[in-house]
Amino acid sequence: MPASPEPSASSLRVLPLADRPGWQAAGEVGLLTRSAWEQALCHLARSDEETCHLELSAVTFVDVAGVSALAMTAQGLPHGRRIVIEEPPATLRRVLDLFWPDLLTVEVMGR
């Protein structure tokens, strides 16, 4: 997956985590970066790991379509798998709570 060296307002950098299964993202998730976001979610969904992490402390914004893609990915996970979202922007947590309050395959930590 191509990654830009420094995320800007219209870019998203997504890299594999070194110490646990999952991805670290930096930048914004929106119309211009949606394909990179969905590609990372697709890789996450194809993983065999029971728990995958999305470390989002350097993500400044996730639009509703980006949260929706995350929720749809989580809903499609096989039984027993889950996604742990670490330090997401507040809007991501609010949108998940509003539209997917009973989504048990996602655990949000921090922020």
N, C-alpha and C. Protein backbone atom coordinates (compact mmCIF):
# COMPACT_ATOMS: atom_id res chain seq x y z
N MET A 1 0.84 -1.16 0.00
CA MET A 1 0.00 0.00 0.00
C MET A 1 0.90 1.24 0.00
N PRO A 2 0.71 2.17 -0.94
CA PRO A 2 1.56 3.35 -0.98
C PRO A 2 1.30 4.24 0.24
N ALA A 3 2.35 4.85 0.72
CA ALA A 3 2.22 5.73 1.88
C ALA A 3 2.96 7.02 1.59
N SER A 4 2.34 8.14 1.96
CA SER A 4 3.01 9.42 1.78
C SER A 4 3.86 9.69 3.01
N PRO A 5 5.00 10.38 2.88
CA PRO A 5 5.90 10.59 4.00
C PRO A 5 5.30 11.46 5.10
N GLU A 6 4.62 12.52 4.76
CA GLU A 6 4.02 13.42 5.74
C GLU A 6 2.56 13.62 5.39
N PRO A 7 1.63 13.29 6.30
CA PRO A 7 0.22 13.48 5.98
C PRO A 7 -0.13 14.98 5.95
N SER A 8 -0.92 15.36 4.98
CA SER A 8 -1.42 16.73 4.92
C SER A 8 -2.92 16.68 5.12
N ALA A 9 -3.58 17.82 4.99
CA ALA A 9 -5.02 17.88 5.21
C ALA A 9 -5.78 16.96 4.26
N SER A 10 -5.23 16.70 3.10
CA SER A 10 -5.93 15.85 2.14
C SER A 10 -5.20 14.53 1.91
N SER A 11 -4.44 14.07 2.90
CA SER A 11 -3.73 12.80 2.73
C SER A 11 -3.93 11.91 3.95
N LEU A 12 -3.66 10.66 3.73
CA LEU A 12 -3.75 9.67 4.80
C LEU A 12 -2.57 8.73 4.64
N ARG A 13 -1.83 8.56 5.71
CA ARG A 13 -0.72 7.61 5.72
C ARG A 13 -1.16 6.42 6.57
N VAL A 14 -1.04 5.24 6.03
CA VAL A 14 -1.43 4.02 6.74
C VAL A 14 -0.28 3.03 6.67
N LEU A 15 0.19 2.61 7.84
CA LEU A 15 1.32 1.69 7.93
C LEU A 15 0.99 0.55 8.89
N PRO A 16 1.56 -0.62 8.67
CA PRO A 16 1.34 -1.72 9.61
C PRO A 16 1.97 -1.40 10.97
N LEU A 17 1.33 -1.85 12.02
CA LEU A 17 1.89 -1.71 13.37
C LEU A 17 3.02 -2.73 13.53
N ALA A 18 4.07 -2.32 14.21
CA ALA A 18 5.23 -3.21 14.38
C ALA A 18 5.06 -4.17 15.56
N ASP A 19 4.29 -3.77 16.58
CA ASP A 19 4.25 -4.54 17.81
C ASP A 19 2.96 -5.33 18.05
N ARG A 20 2.00 -5.21 17.15
CA ARG A 20 0.75 -5.96 17.28
C ARG A 20 0.04 -5.97 15.92
N PRO A 21 -0.90 -6.88 15.72
CA PRO A 21 -1.58 -6.94 14.44
C PRO A 21 -2.46 -5.71 14.21
N GLY A 22 -2.32 -5.08 13.07
CA GLY A 22 -3.16 -3.95 12.75
C GLY A 22 -2.41 -2.86 12.03
N TRP A 23 -3.00 -1.67 12.03
CA TRP A 23 -2.52 -0.54 11.25
C TRP A 23 -2.49 0.73 12.06
N GLN A 24 -1.60 1.61 11.70
CA GLN A 24 -1.51 2.95 12.27
C GLN A 24 -1.82 3.92 11.14
N ALA A 25 -2.69 4.88 11.41
CA ALA A 25 -3.05 5.86 10.38
C ALA A 25 -2.73 7.26 10.88
N ALA A 26 -2.44 8.15 9.92
CA ALA A 26 -2.18 9.56 10.22
C ALA A 26 -2.74 10.39 9.08
N GLY A 27 -3.38 11.50 9.43
CA GLY A 27 -3.96 12.39 8.43
C GLY A 27 -5.46 12.48 8.59
N GLU A 28 -6.17 12.53 7.47
CA GLU A 28 -7.63 12.64 7.48
C GLU A 28 -8.24 11.53 6.64
N VAL A 29 -9.43 11.09 7.08
CA VAL A 29 -10.21 10.14 6.30
C VAL A 29 -11.39 10.92 5.74
N GLY A 30 -11.38 11.10 4.43
CA GLY A 30 -12.44 11.84 3.76
C GLY A 30 -12.52 11.40 2.31
N LEU A 31 -13.19 12.18 1.51
CA LEU A 31 -13.41 11.84 0.11
C LEU A 31 -12.10 11.56 -0.63
N LEU A 32 -11.08 12.40 -0.42
CA LEU A 32 -9.83 12.25 -1.15
C LEU A 32 -8.97 11.08 -0.67
N THR A 33 -9.23 10.60 0.53
CA THR A 33 -8.40 9.52 1.10
C THR A 33 -9.18 8.23 1.33
N ARG A 34 -10.41 8.22 0.92
CA ARG A 34 -11.27 7.06 1.21
C ARG A 34 -10.71 5.76 0.67
N SER A 35 -10.13 5.76 -0.52
CA SER A 35 -9.64 4.49 -1.07
C SER A 35 -8.50 3.91 -0.23
N ALA A 36 -7.60 4.75 0.27
CA ALA A 36 -6.52 4.26 1.14
C ALA A 36 -7.09 3.70 2.44
N TRP A 37 -8.09 4.36 3.00
CA TRP A 37 -8.75 3.91 4.23
C TRP A 37 -9.43 2.56 4.00
N GLU A 38 -10.19 2.46 2.93
CA GLU A 38 -10.90 1.22 2.66
C GLU A 38 -9.93 0.08 2.33
N GLN A 39 -8.82 0.40 1.72
CA GLN A 39 -7.80 -0.61 1.44
C GLN A 39 -7.21 -1.15 2.75
N ALA A 40 -6.93 -0.26 3.70
CA ALA A 40 -6.42 -0.69 5.01
C ALA A 40 -7.45 -1.54 5.74
N LEU A 41 -8.72 -1.15 5.67
CA LEU A 41 -9.78 -1.94 6.31
C LEU A 41 -9.91 -3.31 5.66
N CYS A 42 -9.74 -3.36 4.37
CA CYS A 42 -9.80 -4.65 3.65
C CYS A 42 -8.67 -5.57 4.10
N HIS A 43 -7.46 -5.01 4.23
CA HIS A 43 -6.32 -5.81 4.72
C HIS A 43 -6.60 -6.29 6.14
N LEU A 44 -7.17 -5.43 6.96
CA LEU A 44 -7.48 -5.79 8.33
C LEU A 44 -8.50 -6.94 8.36
N ALA A 45 -9.53 -6.84 7.53
CA ALA A 45 -10.58 -7.86 7.51
C ALA A 45 -10.05 -9.21 7.03
N ARG A 46 -9.04 -9.20 6.16
CA ARG A 46 -8.48 -10.45 5.64
C ARG A 46 -7.49 -11.10 6.60
N SER A 47 -7.11 -10.39 7.65
CA SER A 47 -6.17 -10.93 8.63
C SER A 47 -6.79 -12.13 9.35
N ASP A 48 -5.94 -13.03 9.80
CA ASP A 48 -6.41 -14.18 10.57
C ASP A 48 -6.40 -13.92 12.07
N GLU A 49 -5.95 -12.74 12.46
CA GLU A 49 -5.84 -12.42 13.88
C GLU A 49 -7.22 -12.26 14.52
N GLU A 50 -7.35 -12.72 15.75
CA GLU A 50 -8.61 -12.56 16.48
C GLU A 50 -8.90 -11.09 16.76
N THR A 51 -7.86 -10.35 17.15
CA THR A 51 -7.99 -8.94 17.45
C THR A 51 -7.02 -8.15 16.59
N CYS A 52 -7.55 -7.17 15.86
CA CYS A 52 -6.72 -6.28 15.06
C CYS A 52 -6.87 -4.87 15.61
N HIS A 53 -5.79 -4.12 15.57
CA HIS A 53 -5.77 -2.77 16.12
C HIS A 53 -5.72 -1.72 15.01
N LEU A 54 -6.42 -0.62 15.23
CA LEU A 54 -6.31 0.57 14.39
C LEU A 54 -5.87 1.70 15.31
N GLU A 55 -4.63 2.11 15.20
CA GLU A 55 -4.08 3.18 16.04
C GLU A 55 -4.29 4.48 15.29
N LEU A 56 -5.16 5.35 15.83
CA LEU A 56 -5.60 6.55 15.11
C LEU A 56 -5.24 7.85 15.82
N SER A 57 -4.25 7.85 16.70
CA SER A 57 -3.92 9.05 17.46
C SER A 57 -3.48 10.21 16.57
N ALA A 58 -2.96 9.93 15.38
CA ALA A 58 -2.52 10.99 14.47
C ALA A 58 -3.55 11.29 13.38
N VAL A 59 -4.75 10.72 13.51
CA VAL A 59 -5.83 11.02 12.57
C VAL A 59 -6.60 12.22 13.12
N THR A 60 -6.75 13.24 12.30
CA THR A 60 -7.40 14.46 12.75
C THR A 60 -8.89 14.52 12.43
N PHE A 61 -9.34 13.71 11.47
CA PHE A 61 -10.74 13.77 11.05
C PHE A 61 -11.12 12.48 10.35
N VAL A 62 -12.32 11.99 10.63
CA VAL A 62 -12.90 10.86 9.90
C VAL A 62 -14.33 11.26 9.56
N ASP A 63 -14.66 11.27 8.25
CA ASP A 63 -16.02 11.63 7.87
C ASP A 63 -16.97 10.46 8.11
N VAL A 64 -18.27 10.71 7.96
CA VAL A 64 -19.28 9.69 8.24
C VAL A 64 -19.11 8.49 7.32
N ALA A 65 -18.75 8.71 6.07
CA ALA A 65 -18.54 7.59 5.15
C ALA A 65 -17.35 6.73 5.60
N GLY A 66 -16.33 7.36 6.17
CA GLY A 66 -15.19 6.60 6.69
C GLY A 66 -15.57 5.76 7.89
N VAL A 67 -16.40 6.31 8.77
CA VAL A 67 -16.88 5.55 9.93
C VAL A 67 -17.80 4.43 9.45
N SER A 68 -18.60 4.71 8.45
CA SER A 68 -19.49 3.69 7.89
C SER A 68 -18.69 2.53 7.30
N ALA A 69 -17.61 2.83 6.59
CA ALA A 69 -16.75 1.77 6.04
C ALA A 69 -16.16 0.92 7.16
N LEU A 70 -15.76 1.57 8.25
CA LEU A 70 -15.24 0.85 9.41
C LEU A 70 -16.31 -0.06 10.00
N ALA A 71 -17.52 0.47 10.19
CA ALA A 71 -18.61 -0.31 10.77
C ALA A 71 -18.99 -1.49 9.87
N MET A 72 -19.04 -1.27 8.58
CA MET A 72 -19.37 -2.37 7.65
C MET A 72 -18.28 -3.44 7.67
N THR A 73 -17.03 -3.02 7.77
CA THR A 73 -15.93 -3.99 7.88
C THR A 73 -16.10 -4.81 9.15
N ALA A 74 -16.37 -4.13 10.26
CA ALA A 74 -16.54 -4.82 11.55
C ALA A 74 -17.72 -5.77 11.53
N GLN A 75 -18.81 -5.37 10.89
CA GLN A 75 -19.99 -6.23 10.82
C GLN A 75 -19.72 -7.48 9.99
N GLY A 76 -18.80 -7.41 9.06
CA GLY A 76 -18.48 -8.55 8.21
C GLY A 76 -17.42 -9.48 8.77
N LEU A 77 -16.87 -9.16 9.94
CA LEU A 77 -15.84 -10.02 10.53
C LEU A 77 -16.44 -11.36 10.96
N PRO A 78 -15.68 -12.44 10.82
CA PRO A 78 -16.16 -13.73 11.32
C PRO A 78 -16.36 -13.69 12.84
N HIS A 79 -17.21 -14.57 13.31
CA HIS A 79 -17.50 -14.66 14.75
C HIS A 79 -16.20 -14.82 15.55
N GLY A 80 -16.09 -14.06 16.63
CA GLY A 80 -14.92 -14.15 17.50
C GLY A 80 -13.83 -13.14 17.19
N ARG A 81 -13.93 -12.44 16.06
CA ARG A 81 -12.92 -11.43 15.72
C ARG A 81 -13.43 -10.05 16.12
N ARG A 82 -12.48 -9.13 16.35
CA ARG A 82 -12.86 -7.77 16.70
C ARG A 82 -11.77 -6.80 16.28
N ILE A 83 -12.16 -5.51 16.24
CA ILE A 83 -11.24 -4.43 15.92
C ILE A 83 -11.16 -3.53 17.15
N VAL A 84 -9.94 -3.24 17.58
CA VAL A 84 -9.73 -2.30 18.68
C VAL A 84 -9.26 -0.99 18.06
N ILE A 85 -10.04 0.06 18.25
CA ILE A 85 -9.71 1.39 17.74
C ILE A 85 -9.02 2.13 18.88
N GLU A 86 -7.79 2.57 18.65
CA GLU A 86 -7.01 3.24 19.68
C GLU A 86 -6.90 4.73 19.39
N GLU A 87 -7.33 5.54 20.33
CA GLU A 87 -7.22 6.99 20.31
C GLU A 87 -7.75 7.63 19.02
N PRO A 88 -9.02 7.35 18.68
CA PRO A 88 -9.58 7.96 17.47
C PRO A 88 -10.02 9.40 17.72
N PRO A 89 -10.25 10.16 16.65
CA PRO A 89 -10.84 11.49 16.82
C PRO A 89 -12.22 11.33 17.47
N ALA A 90 -12.63 12.31 18.24
CA ALA A 90 -13.91 12.25 18.96
C ALA A 90 -15.09 12.02 18.02
N THR A 91 -15.02 12.55 16.81
CA THR A 91 -16.14 12.38 15.89
C THR A 91 -16.35 10.91 15.53
N LEU A 92 -15.30 10.14 15.43
CA LEU A 92 -15.45 8.73 15.10
C LEU A 92 -16.24 8.02 16.19
N ARG A 93 -15.88 8.25 17.42
CA ARG A 93 -16.60 7.62 18.54
C ARG A 93 -18.06 8.06 18.56
N ARG A 94 -18.32 9.36 18.35
CA ARG A 94 -19.70 9.87 18.37
C ARG A 94 -20.55 9.26 17.26
N VAL A 95 -19.99 9.16 16.07
CA VAL A 95 -20.75 8.58 14.95
C VAL A 95 -21.00 7.10 15.20
N LEU A 96 -20.02 6.37 15.69
CA LEU A 96 -20.24 4.95 16.03
C LEU A 96 -21.34 4.81 17.08
N ASP A 97 -21.28 5.62 18.13
CA ASP A 97 -22.28 5.56 19.20
C ASP A 97 -23.68 5.91 18.69
N LEU A 98 -23.74 6.84 17.76
CA LEU A 98 -25.03 7.30 17.24
C LEU A 98 -25.67 6.28 16.30
N PHE A 99 -24.90 5.77 15.34
CA PHE A 99 -25.47 4.91 14.31
C PHE A 99 -25.26 3.42 14.54
N TRP A 100 -24.25 3.04 15.30
CA TRP A 100 -23.95 1.63 15.56
C TRP A 100 -23.68 1.41 17.05
N PRO A 101 -24.67 1.72 17.92
CA PRO A 101 -24.41 1.63 19.36
C PRO A 101 -24.18 0.20 19.86
N ASP A 102 -24.65 -0.78 19.14
CA ASP A 102 -24.54 -2.17 19.59
C ASP A 102 -23.52 -2.97 18.78
N LEU A 103 -22.56 -2.30 18.18
CA LEU A 103 -21.54 -2.96 17.37
C LEU A 103 -20.49 -3.57 18.29
N LEU A 104 -20.65 -4.84 18.57
CA LEU A 104 -19.80 -5.52 19.56
C LEU A 104 -18.43 -5.90 19.02
N THR A 105 -18.24 -5.83 17.71
CA THR A 105 -16.96 -6.21 17.12
C THR A 105 -15.97 -5.05 17.08
N VAL A 106 -16.38 -3.90 17.63
CA VAL A 106 -15.48 -2.73 17.71
C VAL A 106 -15.38 -2.30 19.16
N GLU A 107 -14.14 -2.13 19.60
CA GLU A 107 -13.87 -1.58 20.93
C GLU A 107 -13.07 -0.30 20.75
N VAL A 108 -13.55 0.80 21.32
CA VAL A 108 -12.87 2.09 21.19
C VAL A 108 -12.15 2.39 22.50
N MET A 109 -10.85 2.71 22.38
CA MET A 109 -10.03 3.00 23.55
C MET A 109 -9.42 4.39 23.43
N GLY A 110 -9.44 5.14 24.50
CA GLY A 110 -8.76 6.44 24.54
C GLY A 110 -9.53 7.58 23.92
N ARG A 111 -8.90 8.75 24.02
CA ARG A 111 -9.42 10.05 23.57
C ARG A 111 -10.80 10.26 24.03
